[in-house]
């Protein structure tokens, strides 16, 4: 039973790794960016808004 749990954990870690690697590709595909307006924003470059979604998916994977 311990080997099965280890395999499941490794699969979820691998899926999270793939999500992190392809994070910017998803943002570019969906065109979900926060563009700085130099009035209220402090960042200089456009920033992806999918960070919270990526954290949520990682937490859901970890609960399984």
N, C-alpha and C. Protein backbone atom coordinates (compact mmCIF):
# COMPACT_ATOMS: atom_id res chain seq x y z
N UNK A 1 0.81 -1.19 0.00
CA UNK A 1 0.00 0.00 0.00
C UNK A 1 0.86 1.27 0.00
N UNK A 2 2.01 1.22 0.62
CA UNK A 2 2.89 2.38 0.67
C UNK A 2 3.46 2.71 -0.71
N UNK A 3 3.71 1.71 -1.53
CA UNK A 3 4.24 1.95 -2.87
C UNK A 3 3.22 2.66 -3.73
N UNK A 4 1.95 2.31 -3.58
CA UNK A 4 0.89 2.96 -4.35
C UNK A 4 0.77 4.43 -3.95
N UNK A 5 0.85 4.72 -2.67
CA UNK A 5 0.78 6.11 -2.20
C UNK A 5 1.96 6.92 -2.72
N UNK A 6 3.13 6.31 -2.75
CA UNK A 6 4.31 7.00 -3.27
C UNK A 6 4.16 7.29 -4.76
N UNK A 7 3.63 6.36 -5.50
CA UNK A 7 3.42 6.57 -6.94
C UNK A 7 2.41 7.69 -7.17
N UNK A 8 1.34 7.70 -6.40
CA UNK A 8 0.32 8.75 -6.54
C UNK A 8 0.92 10.12 -6.22
N UNK A 9 1.70 10.20 -5.17
CA UNK A 9 2.34 11.46 -4.80
C UNK A 9 3.29 11.93 -5.90
N UNK A 10 4.06 11.02 -6.47
CA UNK A 10 4.99 11.38 -7.55
C UNK A 10 4.24 11.85 -8.80
N UNK A 11 3.10 11.23 -9.09
CA UNK A 11 2.31 11.65 -10.25
C UNK A 11 1.79 13.07 -10.04
N UNK A 12 1.28 13.38 -8.84
CA UNK A 12 0.78 14.71 -8.56
C UNK A 12 1.89 15.76 -8.56
N UNK A 13 3.05 15.41 -8.06
CA UNK A 13 4.18 16.33 -8.10
C UNK A 13 4.59 16.61 -9.54
N UNK A 14 4.58 15.57 -10.36
CA UNK A 14 4.91 15.74 -11.78
C UNK A 14 3.88 16.63 -12.47
N UNK A 15 2.59 16.44 -12.16
CA UNK A 15 1.55 17.29 -12.76
C UNK A 15 1.70 18.74 -12.33
N UNK A 16 2.03 18.97 -11.08
CA UNK A 16 2.26 20.33 -10.61
C UNK A 16 3.46 20.95 -11.31
N UNK A 17 4.49 20.17 -11.52
CA UNK A 17 5.68 20.65 -12.23
C UNK A 17 5.31 21.06 -13.65
N UNK A 18 4.50 20.24 -14.33
CA UNK A 18 4.08 20.58 -15.68
C UNK A 18 3.25 21.86 -15.71
N UNK A 19 2.39 22.04 -14.70
CA UNK A 19 1.61 23.27 -14.64
C UNK A 19 2.49 24.50 -14.45
N UNK A 20 3.48 24.38 -13.60
CA UNK A 20 4.37 25.51 -13.35
C UNK A 20 5.19 25.85 -14.58
N UNK A 21 5.67 24.83 -15.27
CA UNK A 21 6.47 25.06 -16.48
C UNK A 21 5.63 25.73 -17.57
N UNK A 22 4.38 25.31 -17.72
CA UNK A 22 3.52 25.83 -18.79
C UNK A 22 2.65 26.99 -18.33
N UNK A 23 2.97 27.55 -17.18
CA UNK A 23 2.19 28.64 -16.59
C UNK A 23 2.08 29.84 -17.52
N UNK A 24 3.18 30.28 -18.08
CA UNK A 24 3.17 31.45 -18.95
C UNK A 24 2.53 31.15 -20.30
N UNK A 25 2.61 29.91 -20.74
CA UNK A 25 1.94 29.54 -21.99
C UNK A 25 0.43 29.64 -21.84
N UNK A 26 -0.10 29.21 -20.68
CA UNK A 26 -1.53 29.33 -20.42
C UNK A 26 -1.94 30.79 -20.36
N UNK A 27 -1.15 31.62 -19.71
CA UNK A 27 -1.47 33.03 -19.60
C UNK A 27 -1.45 33.70 -20.97
N UNK A 28 -0.50 33.33 -21.79
CA UNK A 28 -0.42 33.90 -23.13
C UNK A 28 -1.58 33.42 -24.00
N UNK A 29 -1.93 32.15 -23.84
CA UNK A 29 -3.04 31.59 -24.61
C UNK A 29 -4.36 32.26 -24.26
N UNK A 30 -4.59 32.46 -22.98
CA UNK A 30 -5.83 33.07 -22.51
C UNK A 30 -5.79 34.59 -22.48
N UNK A 31 -4.59 35.15 -22.68
CA UNK A 31 -4.37 36.60 -22.67
C UNK A 31 -4.88 37.23 -21.36
N UNK A 32 -4.46 36.64 -20.25
CA UNK A 32 -4.86 37.12 -18.93
C UNK A 32 -3.64 37.76 -18.27
N UNK A 33 -3.52 39.06 -18.42
CA UNK A 33 -2.40 39.79 -17.86
C UNK A 33 -2.91 41.04 -17.15
N UNK A 34 -2.17 41.48 -16.16
CA UNK A 34 -2.40 42.76 -15.51
C UNK A 34 -1.35 43.72 -16.05
N UNK A 35 -1.81 44.71 -16.77
CA UNK A 35 -0.89 45.67 -17.38
C UNK A 35 -0.72 46.88 -16.47
N UNK A 36 0.51 47.30 -16.23
CA UNK A 36 0.73 48.44 -15.33
C UNK A 36 0.22 49.74 -15.95
N UNK A 37 -0.41 50.57 -15.12
CA UNK A 37 -0.89 51.86 -15.61
C UNK A 37 -0.08 53.03 -15.05
N UNK A 38 0.95 52.74 -14.26
CA UNK A 38 1.88 53.71 -13.68
C UNK A 38 1.19 54.72 -12.77
N UNK A 39 -0.05 54.46 -12.40
CA UNK A 39 -0.75 55.31 -11.44
C UNK A 39 -0.95 54.52 -10.15
N UNK A 40 -1.59 53.37 -10.26
CA UNK A 40 -1.87 52.55 -9.08
C UNK A 40 -0.98 51.32 -9.00
N UNK A 41 -0.39 50.91 -10.09
CA UNK A 41 0.42 49.69 -10.12
C UNK A 41 1.89 50.00 -9.89
N UNK A 42 2.54 49.12 -9.15
CA UNK A 42 3.97 49.32 -8.89
C UNK A 42 4.86 48.48 -9.78
N UNK A 43 4.29 47.49 -10.45
CA UNK A 43 5.13 46.66 -11.31
C UNK A 43 5.33 47.34 -12.66
N UNK A 44 6.41 46.95 -13.33
CA UNK A 44 6.77 47.58 -14.59
C UNK A 44 6.31 46.74 -15.78
N UNK A 45 6.51 45.44 -15.69
CA UNK A 45 6.14 44.53 -16.78
C UNK A 45 4.72 44.01 -16.56
N UNK A 46 4.12 43.52 -17.65
CA UNK A 46 2.81 42.92 -17.48
C UNK A 46 2.95 41.61 -16.70
N UNK A 47 1.98 41.34 -15.83
CA UNK A 47 2.04 40.23 -14.90
C UNK A 47 0.83 39.33 -15.12
N UNK A 48 1.05 38.03 -15.10
CA UNK A 48 -0.03 37.08 -15.28
C UNK A 48 -0.95 37.05 -14.06
N UNK A 49 -2.23 36.85 -14.31
CA UNK A 49 -3.21 36.79 -13.23
C UNK A 49 -3.57 35.36 -12.85
N UNK A 50 -2.83 34.38 -13.34
CA UNK A 50 -3.14 32.98 -13.08
C UNK A 50 -2.41 32.41 -11.87
N UNK A 51 -1.69 33.21 -11.12
CA UNK A 51 -0.93 32.71 -9.99
C UNK A 51 -1.80 32.11 -8.91
N UNK A 52 -2.91 32.75 -8.58
CA UNK A 52 -3.82 32.21 -7.57
C UNK A 52 -4.45 30.91 -8.02
N UNK A 53 -4.75 30.81 -9.30
CA UNK A 53 -5.31 29.58 -9.84
C UNK A 53 -4.31 28.45 -9.75
N UNK A 54 -3.06 28.74 -10.02
CA UNK A 54 -2.02 27.72 -9.94
C UNK A 54 -1.83 27.24 -8.51
N UNK A 55 -1.88 28.14 -7.56
CA UNK A 55 -1.76 27.75 -6.14
C UNK A 55 -2.97 26.91 -5.73
N UNK A 56 -4.16 27.30 -6.16
CA UNK A 56 -5.36 26.54 -5.83
C UNK A 56 -5.29 25.12 -6.38
N UNK A 57 -4.87 24.97 -7.63
CA UNK A 57 -4.76 23.64 -8.24
C UNK A 57 -3.73 22.81 -7.50
N UNK A 58 -2.63 23.40 -7.09
CA UNK A 58 -1.61 22.67 -6.33
C UNK A 58 -2.15 22.19 -4.99
N UNK A 59 -2.94 23.03 -4.33
CA UNK A 59 -3.53 22.62 -3.04
C UNK A 59 -4.53 21.49 -3.24
N UNK A 60 -5.34 21.57 -4.30
CA UNK A 60 -6.29 20.50 -4.58
C UNK A 60 -5.57 19.21 -4.87
N UNK A 61 -4.50 19.25 -5.65
CA UNK A 61 -3.72 18.04 -5.92
C UNK A 61 -3.14 17.47 -4.64
N UNK A 62 -2.70 18.31 -3.74
CA UNK A 62 -2.08 17.81 -2.52
C UNK A 62 -3.10 17.15 -1.58
N UNK A 63 -4.38 17.53 -1.65
CA UNK A 63 -5.39 16.91 -0.82
C UNK A 63 -5.74 15.50 -1.27
N UNK A 64 -5.55 15.23 -2.56
CA UNK A 64 -5.80 13.88 -3.06
C UNK A 64 -4.69 12.97 -2.61
